[in-house]
Amino acid sequence: AVLHLQRAATRAAAIGAPAEAQRLLEVALAHSHEPGGRAHLHLSAAQAGNTAGHYPAARDHAAAAMTVFDDLGDEAQAGRAAAAQAEASMQAGDNAAAIAVAAPRWQALQGRRGADAALLRLANVLARAHLRLSDYDAMGAYAEQALLLAEGANDHEALATALLRIGTRYMSIGAPVAAKLTFEDAGEVAREHDLLDPLASSLLNLAALLNSRDLPGAISYARKAEEVARRSGSQFSIDFAMGNHLCALWSTGDITATTALLDAALDTAISPTVRGTLRALEVWLADATDQPIPSRSDDHIDSTDDGMALVWQESADVARAHASGDPAHAGAIAADIFPRLLSYYGLDDDFCVLWPPLVLAALAADDLELASRLLEPVEQARPGQRSPAVAAQWHRLRGLVAAARGGDPVFVETEMRLGIDALDALGAHGYRAQAQEELARWLADQHRPDDAAPLIDAARETYTEINATGWLARLQTWSTSRHPAVGP
């Protein structure tokens, strides 16, 4: 019975049904009494549970396997179980716990014969946990070790996974071209060997990279990533594919599509990072559509040490503070977030959507020193390290900060128009309309209503097209009550 249940579980995992695989293995455990056999069943159940997103159960199965393997003196298998337990902790958002379990096993297995398979799994999970803590040097060191072990073992799945970690490091340190090439190489390895999970990871990483460079391309990659992830049954990859898809849709200004996908993602996503992203987008959408701003949810994101999740959650708090009429508090939150935003994302990945609201919050709080400080890392970056989205927002925000300082009108208008044109070329229609409205308001203050009017009309038309009823209502209120000369 146990043998047949194991075979059925293997088949279930192979066809993308990891939850069923876990269930079958748990049934097998009820009929197994030999310690070594039970340890292997626990380990397989942990691996299936990690794929299915059942992280507490996976952690328990892995811990049980590790205890038995230790009792049997099988250090290599105990190391594999430690990697599975660390994976469950990391994916549930407890990266420190993942490192605490995996790092001692990594050290203990160095130089041991027959331990390469365990070391490979430990290196990969340690790389990912250090990534979530923004320790990119440690992540890179473990990723390189994983790469060498994968090459030595001729393990193509591990090789593709190690390439993905190295690509992420390249992106974080400001080498996006190298990152893209590495992600593509990982995808080629996965395709050649029909490896669904690393293929999904490759596609979703490419989507994240293109979110600030090529929005149609990002959406295409994100859709493909979700499709492949669903075939593999990997909840972690499904979550991140949906998160990257939503960031791209939001950047295009497609509020209808963003709302629909957000509702679906909120029902299923488990990853703390992705849930933080979803909750921030929920707040931003409410602001754009004139809906009540949601309060902090009961997702318990505060319980994680995943800095990316916390940055997203606190970005939503910026919008909440502003909506409640407390711009000073919004600015204070922005100041607190920014160093961590740079630490976790550099100028890439989600920086392009998280950064502009922080600068706008500083301006709303009349904190021009903070606004200028938030511009500095982008100002000082090399041109190739500014993605098209970041460069477009930089021109827009640079113009707004200069306007707030009463700077040279030619510089202000030039920068803001450069921002509008760049956002238009990117296909970021919502952001472009907001930039048009901002320039129109400044032109009206410069007593140039005739120049402001076409921009107001363009912003109004876009807001109407994308169903941004909240933004439209605020524009209408301003244009009729404060500056009637620029049109109703």
Protein backbone atom coordinates (compact mmCIF):
# COMPACT_ATOMS: atom_id res chain seq x y z
CA ALA A 1 0.00 0.00 0.00
CA VAL A 2 2.77 2.42 0.94
CA LEU A 3 4.64 1.74 -2.29
CA HIS A 4 1.55 2.35 -4.41
CA LEU A 5 0.73 5.54 -2.50
CA GLN A 6 4.28 6.80 -3.07
CA ARG A 7 4.00 6.10 -6.77
CA ALA A 8 0.66 7.89 -6.92
CA ALA A 9 2.17 10.86 -5.07
CA THR A 10 5.07 11.01 -7.51
CA ARG A 11 2.62 11.02 -10.38
CA ALA A 12 0.49 13.73 -8.75
CA ALA A 13 3.54 15.95 -8.24
CA ALA A 14 4.62 15.40 -11.84
CA ILE A 15 1.28 16.61 -13.23
CA GLY A 16 1.14 19.74 -11.06
CA ALA A 17 -0.98 18.49 -8.16
CA PRO A 18 1.36 18.88 -5.17
CA ALA A 19 -1.47 19.15 -2.63
CA GLU A 20 -2.73 15.73 -3.74
CA ALA A 21 0.82 14.40 -3.57
CA GLN A 22 1.11 15.64 0.00
CA ARG A 23 -2.24 14.04 0.92
CA LEU A 24 -1.22 10.68 -0.53
CA LEU A 25 2.10 10.76 1.32
CA GLU A 26 0.32 11.54 4.58
CA VAL A 27 -1.95 8.53 3.99
CA ALA A 28 1.18 6.45 3.38
CA LEU A 29 2.62 7.66 6.68
CA ALA A 30 -0.38 6.22 8.49
CA HIS A 31 0.58 2.78 7.14
CA SER A 32 4.35 3.04 7.57
CA HIS A 33 6.17 2.03 10.75
CA GLU A 34 9.83 1.63 9.80
CA PRO A 35 11.74 4.77 10.93
CA GLY A 36 13.84 5.23 7.78
CA GLY A 37 10.86 4.78 5.51
CA ARG A 38 8.79 7.23 7.55
CA ALA A 39 11.58 9.80 7.41
CA HIS A 40 11.65 9.62 3.62
CA LEU A 41 7.86 9.93 3.49
CA HIS A 42 8.00 12.99 5.77
CA LEU A 43 10.68 14.55 3.56
CA SER A 44 8.66 13.95 0.38
CA ALA A 45 5.54 15.33 2.08
CA ALA A 46 7.49 18.43 3.11
CA GLN A 47 8.66 19.02 -0.45
CA ALA A 48 5.13 18.57 -1.80
CA GLY A 49 3.75 20.88 0.88
CA ASN A 50 6.27 23.58 0.00
CA THR A 51 5.21 23.45 -3.64
CA ALA A 52 1.52 23.53 -2.72
CA GLY A 53 1.98 26.49 -0.37
CA HIS A 54 1.14 24.48 2.77
CA TYR A 55 4.09 25.90 4.66
CA PRO A 56 3.23 25.04 8.30
CA ALA A 57 2.57 21.39 7.38
CA ALA A 58 5.72 21.29 5.24
CA ARG A 59 7.77 22.66 8.12
CA ASP A 60 6.40 20.00 10.49
CA HIS A 61 7.05 17.17 8.03
CA ALA A 62 10.60 18.39 7.41
CA ALA A 63 11.34 18.70 11.13
CA ALA A 64 10.07 15.17 11.71
CA ALA A 65 12.24 13.84 8.88
CA MET A 66 15.30 15.68 10.17
CA THR A 67 14.88 14.26 13.67
CA VAL A 68 14.70 10.67 12.39
CA PHE A 69 17.59 11.07 9.96
CA ASP A 70 19.70 12.51 12.78
CA ASP A 71 18.81 9.55 14.97
CA LEU A 72 19.84 7.21 12.14
CA GLY A 73 23.13 9.07 11.66
CA ASP A 74 22.27 10.00 8.08
CA GLU A 75 23.67 13.52 7.97
CA ALA A 76 23.15 14.03 4.24
CA GLN A 77 19.44 13.20 4.36
CA ALA A 78 19.09 15.29 7.51
CA GLY A 79 20.62 18.16 5.51
CA ARG A 80 18.00 17.71 2.78
CA ALA A 81 15.28 17.77 5.42
CA ALA A 82 16.81 20.95 6.92
CA ALA A 83 16.69 22.54 3.46
CA ALA A 84 12.99 21.63 3.16
CA GLN A 85 12.26 23.05 6.61
CA ALA A 86 14.18 26.23 5.78
CA GLU A 87 12.28 26.51 2.48
CA ALA A 88 8.96 26.36 4.34
CA SER A 89 10.08 29.04 6.82
CA MET A 90 11.47 31.28 4.08
CA GLN A 91 8.35 31.08 1.90
CA ALA A 92 6.16 31.77 4.94
CA GLY A 93 8.18 34.96 5.55
CA ASP A 94 10.52 33.92 8.37
CA ASN A 95 13.93 34.21 6.73
CA ALA A 96 15.91 34.36 9.96
CA ALA A 97 14.42 31.00 10.98
CA ALA A 98 15.30 29.57 7.57
CA ILE A 99 18.93 30.63 7.94
CA ALA A 100 19.06 29.37 11.54
CA VAL A 101 18.05 25.89 10.36
CA ALA A 102 20.02 25.71 7.11
CA ALA A 103 23.32 27.47 7.86
CA PRO A 104 24.59 25.02 10.54
CA ARG A 105 23.78 22.07 8.27
CA TRP A 106 25.61 23.78 5.41
CA GLN A 107 28.70 24.13 7.56
CA ALA A 108 28.49 20.62 8.98
CA LEU A 109 28.27 18.97 5.54
CA GLN A 110 31.27 20.71 3.99
CA GLY A 111 33.67 18.13 2.58
CA ARG A 112 31.41 15.15 3.41
CA ARG A 113 31.17 12.42 0.79
CA GLY A 114 27.70 11.95 -0.63
CA ALA A 115 26.50 15.30 0.70
CA ASP A 116 26.44 17.29 -2.55
CA ALA A 117 22.68 16.87 -3.12
CA ALA A 118 21.95 18.19 0.36
CA LEU A 119 24.48 21.02 0.02
CA LEU A 120 22.92 22.04 -3.26
CA ARG A 121 19.47 22.38 -1.71
CA LEU A 122 20.86 24.18 1.31
CA ALA A 123 22.79 26.65 -0.86
CA ASN A 124 19.70 27.51 -2.89
CA VAL A 125 17.47 28.13 0.10
CA LEU A 126 20.18 30.13 1.90
CA ALA A 127 20.59 32.29 -1.21
CA ARG A 128 16.87 33.02 -1.30
CA ALA A 129 16.61 33.73 2.43
CA HIS A 130 19.53 36.19 2.29
CA LEU A 131 17.91 37.83 -0.74
CA ARG A 132 14.77 38.48 1.32
CA LEU A 133 16.94 40.10 3.98
CA SER A 134 18.72 42.20 1.30
CA ASP A 135 22.09 40.65 2.06
CA TYR A 136 23.10 40.43 -1.59
CA ASP A 137 26.73 39.56 -0.91
CA ALA A 138 25.74 36.45 1.06
CA MET A 139 23.09 35.65 -1.52
CA GLY A 140 25.67 35.85 -4.29
CA ALA A 141 28.14 33.64 -2.42
CA TYR A 142 25.56 30.91 -1.84
CA ALA A 143 24.25 31.21 -5.41
CA GLU A 144 27.77 30.70 -6.78
CA GLN A 145 28.22 27.62 -4.58
CA ALA A 146 24.88 26.28 -5.80
CA LEU A 147 25.97 26.89 -9.39
CA LEU A 148 29.19 24.93 -8.90
CA LEU A 149 27.41 22.07 -7.15
CA ALA A 150 24.73 21.93 -9.85
CA GLU A 151 27.32 21.85 -12.62
CA GLY A 152 29.23 19.11 -10.81
CA ALA A 153 26.12 16.99 -10.28
CA ASN A 154 24.76 17.66 -13.78
CA ASP A 155 21.53 18.73 -12.03
CA HIS A 156 19.72 20.88 -14.58
CA GLU A 157 16.91 21.99 -12.29
CA ALA A 158 19.39 23.15 -9.66
CA LEU A 159 21.47 24.82 -12.36
CA ALA A 160 18.50 26.82 -13.64
CA THR A 161 17.61 27.80 -10.06
CA ALA A 162 21.17 28.94 -9.32
CA LEU A 163 21.21 31.03 -12.50
CA LEU A 164 18.00 32.71 -11.37
CA ARG A 165 19.57 33.67 -8.04
CA ILE A 166 22.65 35.06 -9.81
CA GLY A 167 20.42 37.03 -12.18
CA THR A 168 18.59 38.52 -9.22
CA ARG A 169 21.91 39.61 -7.74
CA TYR A 170 22.88 41.27 -11.02
CA MET A 171 19.59 43.16 -11.06
CA SER A 172 19.99 44.30 -7.45
CA ILE A 173 23.48 45.70 -7.98
CA GLY A 174 22.58 47.66 -11.11
CA ALA A 175 23.45 45.29 -13.98
CA PRO A 176 20.05 44.80 -15.67
CA VAL A 177 21.39 43.63 -19.04
CA ALA A 178 23.41 40.86 -17.39
CA ALA A 179 20.37 40.01 -15.27
CA LYS A 180 18.14 39.67 -18.32
CA LEU A 181 20.63 37.44 -20.11
CA THR A 182 20.99 35.24 -17.04
CA PHE A 183 17.22 34.92 -16.57
CA GLU A 184 16.91 33.96 -20.24
CA ASP A 185 19.68 31.37 -19.87
CA ALA A 186 17.87 29.86 -16.87
CA GLY A 187 14.70 29.68 -18.97
CA GLU A 188 16.52 27.92 -21.79
CA VAL A 189 17.90 25.29 -19.42
CA ALA A 190 14.40 24.78 -18.01
CA ARG A 191 12.79 24.47 -21.45
CA GLU A 192 15.42 22.08 -22.72
CA HIS A 193 14.80 19.72 -19.80
CA ASP A 194 11.05 20.34 -19.38
CA LEU A 195 11.42 21.84 -15.89
CA LEU A 196 8.24 23.77 -15.14
CA ASP A 197 9.05 25.44 -11.83
CA PRO A 198 12.37 27.05 -12.87
CA LEU A 199 10.76 28.01 -16.19
CA ALA A 200 7.98 29.81 -14.33
CA SER A 201 10.57 31.52 -12.13
CA SER A 202 12.54 32.61 -15.18
CA LEU A 203 9.44 34.11 -16.79
CA LEU A 204 8.28 35.93 -13.68
CA ASN A 205 11.77 37.36 -13.10
CA LEU A 206 11.81 38.62 -16.69
CA ALA A 207 8.39 40.18 -16.06
CA ALA A 208 9.76 41.97 -12.98
CA LEU A 209 12.74 43.26 -14.96
CA LEU A 210 10.55 44.50 -17.83
CA ASN A 211 7.98 46.18 -15.59
CA SER A 212 10.15 49.29 -15.74
CA ARG A 213 11.23 48.89 -19.37
CA ASP A 214 8.61 47.27 -21.61
CA LEU A 215 5.10 47.06 -20.16
CA PRO A 216 3.53 44.93 -22.93
CA GLY A 217 6.50 42.55 -22.70
CA ALA A 218 6.19 42.42 -18.91
CA ILE A 219 2.49 41.57 -19.11
CA SER A 220 3.19 38.84 -21.65
CA TYR A 221 5.91 37.27 -19.50
CA ALA A 222 3.77 37.49 -16.36
CA ARG A 223 0.85 35.74 -18.06
CA LYS A 224 3.12 32.98 -19.34
CA ALA A 225 4.71 32.64 -15.90
CA GLU A 226 1.33 32.19 -14.24
CA GLU A 227 0.29 29.63 -16.84
CA VAL A 228 3.46 27.58 -16.35
CA ALA A 229 3.31 27.94 -12.56
CA ARG A 230 -0.24 26.60 -12.50
CA ARG A 231 0.90 23.61 -14.54
CA SER A 232 3.65 22.94 -12.00
CA GLY A 233 1.38 23.60 -9.03
CA SER A 234 3.93 25.94 -7.40
CA GLN A 235 1.95 28.36 -5.25
CA PHE A 236 5.03 30.51 -4.65
CA SER A 237 5.51 31.05 -8.39
CA ILE A 238 1.79 31.61 -8.97
CA ASP A 239 1.80 34.31 -6.29
CA PHE A 240 4.78 36.18 -7.75
CA ALA A 241 3.54 35.86 -11.33
CA MET A 242 0.27 37.49 -10.31
CA GLY A 243 2.09 40.15 -8.31
CA ASN A 244 4.31 41.11 -11.24
CA HIS A 245 1.33 41.04 -13.61
CA LEU A 246 -0.55 43.43 -11.32
CA CYS A 247 2.39 45.85 -11.11
CA ALA A 248 2.54 45.99 -14.91
CA LEU A 249 -1.22 46.48 -15.27
CA TRP A 250 -1.18 49.24 -12.66
CA SER A 251 1.68 50.96 -14.47
CA THR A 252 -0.26 50.93 -17.74
CA GLY A 253 -3.19 52.57 -15.99
CA ASP A 254 -5.58 49.71 -16.79
CA ILE A 255 -7.67 50.07 -13.66
CA THR A 256 -10.41 47.67 -14.76
CA ALA A 257 -7.99 44.81 -15.44
CA THR A 258 -5.98 45.59 -12.30
CA THR A 259 -9.11 45.46 -10.15
CA ALA A 260 -10.24 42.14 -11.62
CA LEU A 261 -6.88 40.43 -11.19
CA LEU A 262 -6.40 41.92 -7.71
CA ASP A 263 -9.67 40.40 -6.52
CA ALA A 264 -8.58 36.98 -7.77
CA ALA A 265 -5.09 37.29 -6.27
CA LEU A 266 -6.38 38.34 -2.85
CA ASP A 267 -8.38 35.10 -2.70
CA THR A 268 -5.39 32.82 -3.32
CA ALA A 269 -2.00 34.48 -2.68
CA ILE A 270 -0.01 33.23 0.33
CA SER A 271 3.45 34.83 0.02
CA PRO A 272 3.88 37.73 2.50
CA THR A 273 5.71 39.78 -0.13
CA VAL A 274 2.91 39.38 -2.63
CA ARG A 275 0.20 40.00 -0.03
CA GLY A 276 1.95 43.24 0.89
CA THR A 277 1.95 44.19 -2.79
CA LEU A 278 -1.73 43.36 -3.15
CA ARG A 279 -2.74 45.42 -0.13
CA ALA A 280 -0.81 48.45 -1.38
CA LEU A 281 -2.41 48.16 -4.81
CA GLU A 282 -5.80 47.85 -3.10
CA VAL A 283 -5.21 51.21 -1.41
CA TRP A 284 -3.92 52.86 -4.59
CA LEU A 285 -6.92 51.61 -6.57
CA ALA A 286 -9.31 52.94 -3.93
CA ASP A 287 -7.66 56.35 -4.20
CA ALA A 288 -7.86 56.28 -8.01
CA THR A 289 -11.53 55.27 -8.07
CA ASP A 290 -12.83 57.40 -5.17
CA GLN A 291 -13.57 54.42 -2.93
CA PRO A 292 -13.06 54.27 0.85
CA ILE A 293 -9.40 53.63 1.63
CA PRO A 294 -9.05 50.12 3.14
CA SER A 295 -7.60 49.93 6.62
CA ARG A 296 -4.71 47.64 7.43
CA SER A 297 -5.82 44.07 6.89
CA ASP A 298 -5.44 41.04 9.10
CA ASP A 299 -2.72 39.50 6.88
CA HIS A 300 -0.25 39.69 9.80
CA ILE A 301 2.49 40.92 7.49
CA ASP A 302 4.15 42.55 10.52
CA SER A 303 5.09 39.06 11.70
CA THR A 304 7.52 38.60 8.80
CA ASP A 305 11.12 39.71 8.49
CA ASP A 306 10.70 39.90 4.71
CA GLY A 307 11.74 43.49 4.09
CA MET A 308 10.12 43.61 0.67
CA ALA A 309 6.72 42.72 2.18
CA LEU A 310 7.11 45.39 4.85
CA VAL A 311 8.13 48.09 2.35
CA TRP A 312 5.02 47.38 0.30
CA GLN A 313 2.79 47.43 3.38
CA GLU A 314 4.22 50.71 4.61
CA SER A 315 3.84 52.23 1.14
CA ALA A 316 0.11 51.65 1.55
CA ASP A 317 0.37 53.46 4.91
CA VAL A 318 1.72 56.52 3.08
CA ALA A 319 -1.47 56.67 1.01
CA ARG A 320 -3.63 56.05 4.09
CA ALA A 321 -2.00 58.91 5.99
CA HIS A 322 -2.41 61.27 3.06
CA ALA A 323 -6.07 60.29 2.59
CA SER A 324 -6.74 60.90 6.29
CA GLY A 325 -5.51 64.48 5.92
CA ASP A 326 -2.14 64.01 7.63
CA PRO A 327 0.50 64.79 4.98
CA ALA A 328 3.19 65.29 7.62
CA HIS A 329 2.74 61.71 8.82
CA ALA A 330 2.73 60.49 5.22
CA GLY A 331 6.05 62.27 4.67
CA ALA A 332 7.52 60.78 7.83
CA ILE A 333 6.59 57.27 6.68
CA ALA A 334 8.12 57.99 3.26
CA ALA A 335 11.37 59.08 4.88
CA ASP A 336 11.48 55.88 6.93
CA ILE A 337 10.71 53.62 3.96
CA PHE A 338 13.16 55.05 1.45
CA PRO A 339 16.50 53.67 2.77
CA ARG A 340 14.96 50.21 3.00
CA LEU A 341 13.43 50.52 -0.46
CA LEU A 342 16.91 51.19 -1.85
CA SER A 343 18.38 48.36 0.20
CA TYR A 344 15.88 45.76 -1.04
CA TYR A 345 15.34 46.83 -4.64
CA GLY A 346 18.14 49.18 -5.68
CA LEU A 347 16.80 51.26 -8.58
CA ASP A 348 15.21 48.25 -10.27
CA ASP A 349 12.39 45.76 -9.85
CA ASP A 350 9.50 47.39 -7.93
CA PHE A 351 11.40 50.64 -7.29
CA CYS A 352 9.68 52.25 -10.29
CA VAL A 353 6.22 51.99 -8.68
CA LEU A 354 7.18 52.40 -5.02
CA TRP A 355 9.44 55.45 -5.35
CA PRO A 356 7.17 58.15 -6.94
CA PRO A 357 4.53 58.09 -4.16
CA LEU A 358 7.27 58.72 -1.60
CA VAL A 359 8.49 61.85 -3.39
CA LEU A 360 4.92 63.05 -3.85
CA ALA A 361 4.29 62.51 -0.13
CA ALA A 362 7.32 64.64 0.72
CA LEU A 363 6.03 67.40 -1.57
CA ALA A 364 2.55 67.21 -0.06
CA ALA A 365 4.15 67.61 3.37
CA ASP A 366 6.10 70.67 2.09
CA ASP A 367 9.30 68.89 3.04
CA LEU A 368 11.47 69.95 0.12
CA GLU A 369 14.66 68.76 1.78
CA LEU A 370 13.21 65.26 1.99
CA ALA A 371 11.92 65.42 -1.57
CA SER A 372 15.38 66.37 -2.82
CA ARG A 373 16.98 63.61 -0.76
CA LEU A 374 14.62 61.07 -2.30
CA LEU A 375 15.75 62.17 -5.76
CA GLU A 376 19.48 61.90 -5.03
CA PRO A 377 20.14 58.20 -5.73
CA VAL A 378 18.46 58.48 -9.12
CA GLU A 379 20.21 61.77 -9.86
CA GLN A 380 23.58 60.18 -9.06
CA ALA A 381 22.99 56.92 -10.93
CA ARG A 382 24.63 56.24 -14.26
CA PRO A 383 22.22 56.62 -17.21
CA GLY A 384 22.21 52.90 -17.92
CA GLN A 385 21.13 52.19 -14.36
CA ARG A 386 17.97 54.27 -14.76
CA SER A 387 15.32 52.12 -16.37
CA PRO A 388 12.92 53.91 -18.77
CA ALA A 389 10.21 54.00 -16.09
CA VAL A 390 12.55 55.39 -13.43
CA ALA A 391 13.99 57.93 -15.87
CA ALA A 392 10.49 59.06 -16.88
CA GLN A 393 9.40 59.47 -13.26
CA TRP A 394 12.68 61.19 -12.46
CA HIS A 395 12.00 63.94 -15.02
CA ARG A 396 8.44 64.31 -13.76
CA LEU A 397 9.44 64.48 -10.09
CA ARG A 398 12.51 66.59 -10.75
CA GLY A 399 10.24 69.17 -12.38
CA LEU A 400 7.77 69.06 -9.48
CA VAL A 401 10.49 69.55 -6.87
CA ALA A 402 11.97 72.44 -8.85
CA ALA A 403 8.50 73.99 -9.15
CA ALA A 404 7.95 73.69 -5.40
CA ARG A 405 11.26 75.46 -4.85
CA GLY A 406 10.23 78.27 -7.22
CA GLY A 407 12.99 77.26 -9.62
CA ASP A 408 13.70 78.34 -13.18
CA PRO A 409 10.36 78.08 -15.05
CA VAL A 410 12.09 76.89 -18.22
CA PHE A 411 13.74 74.04 -16.33
CA VAL A 412 10.48 73.13 -14.57
CA GLU A 413 8.46 72.98 -17.76
CA THR A 414 11.18 71.18 -19.71
CA GLU A 415 11.54 68.47 -17.09
CA MET A 416 7.81 67.95 -16.66
CA ARG A 417 7.25 67.72 -20.40
CA LEU A 418 10.15 65.26 -20.70
CA GLY A 419 8.45 63.18 -18.03
CA ILE A 420 5.11 63.27 -19.85
CA ASP A 421 6.67 62.23 -23.15
CA ALA A 422 8.69 59.42 -21.55
CA LEU A 423 5.67 58.06 -19.66
CA ASP A 424 3.66 58.18 -22.87
CA ALA A 425 6.37 56.27 -24.76
CA LEU A 426 6.39 53.64 -21.99
CA GLY A 427 2.61 53.19 -22.23
CA ALA A 428 2.10 54.34 -18.62
CA HIS A 429 -1.17 56.11 -19.38
CA GLY A 430 -2.32 56.73 -15.81
CA TYR A 431 1.02 58.17 -14.74
CA ARG A 432 1.15 60.26 -17.92
CA ALA A 433 -2.27 61.76 -17.18
CA GLN A 434 -1.21 62.58 -13.63
CA ALA A 435 1.92 64.28 -14.97
CA GLN A 436 -0.22 66.25 -17.47
CA GLU A 437 -2.48 67.39 -14.64
CA GLU A 438 0.53 68.43 -12.53
CA LEU A 439 1.99 70.50 -15.35
CA ALA A 440 -1.42 72.06 -16.03
CA ARG A 441 -1.76 73.13 -12.41
CA TRP A 442 1.71 74.68 -12.46
CA LEU A 443 1.01 76.49 -15.75
CA ALA A 444 -2.22 77.86 -14.30
CA ASP A 445 -0.25 79.19 -11.33
CA GLN A 446 2.11 80.81 -13.86
CA HIS A 447 -0.93 82.62 -15.33
CA ARG A 448 -0.81 80.56 -18.54
CA PRO A 449 -4.36 79.16 -18.72
CA ASP A 450 -4.27 78.70 -22.47
CA ASP A 451 -1.27 76.39 -22.17
CA ALA A 452 -2.85 74.54 -19.24
CA ALA A 453 -6.21 73.88 -20.92
CA PRO A 454 -5.09 71.20 -23.44
CA LEU A 455 -3.28 69.32 -20.69
CA ILE A 456 -6.36 69.37 -18.48
CA ASP A 457 -8.45 68.08 -21.37
CA ALA A 458 -5.96 65.29 -22.06
CA ALA A 459 -5.79 64.25 -18.39
CA ARG A 460 -9.58 64.35 -18.09
CA GLU A 461 -9.97 62.20 -21.20
CA THR A 462 -7.50 59.59 -19.92
CA TYR A 463 -9.05 59.47 -16.44
CA THR A 464 -12.43 58.87 -18.05
CA GLU A 465 -11.07 56.14 -20.35
CA ILE A 466 -9.36 54.22 -17.54
CA ASN A 467 -12.20 54.69 -15.01
CA ALA A 468 -10.04 56.71 -12.61
CA THR A 469 -13.12 58.36 -11.14
CA GLY A 470 -11.32 59.57 -8.01
CA TRP A 471 -8.55 61.30 -9.92
CA LEU A 472 -11.15 62.73 -12.32
CA ALA A 473 -13.29 64.11 -9.50
CA ARG A 474 -10.32 65.87 -7.91
CA LEU A 475 -9.30 67.35 -11.26
CA GLN A 476 -12.84 68.60 -11.87
CA THR A 477 -13.01 70.18 -8.42
CA TRP A 478 -9.70 71.97 -8.93
CA SER A 479 -10.41 73.16 -12.46
CA THR A 480 -13.86 74.59 -11.63
CA SER A 481 -13.39 76.02 -8.15
CA ARG A 482 -9.78 77.12 -7.98
CA HIS A 483 -8.98 77.97 -11.57
CA PRO A 484 -12.25 78.53 -13.47
CA ALA A 485 -10.33 80.27 -16.23
CA VAL A 486 -8.81 76.99 -17.42
CA GLY A 487 -12.15 75.33 -18.16
CA PRO A 488 -14.95 73.37 -16.49
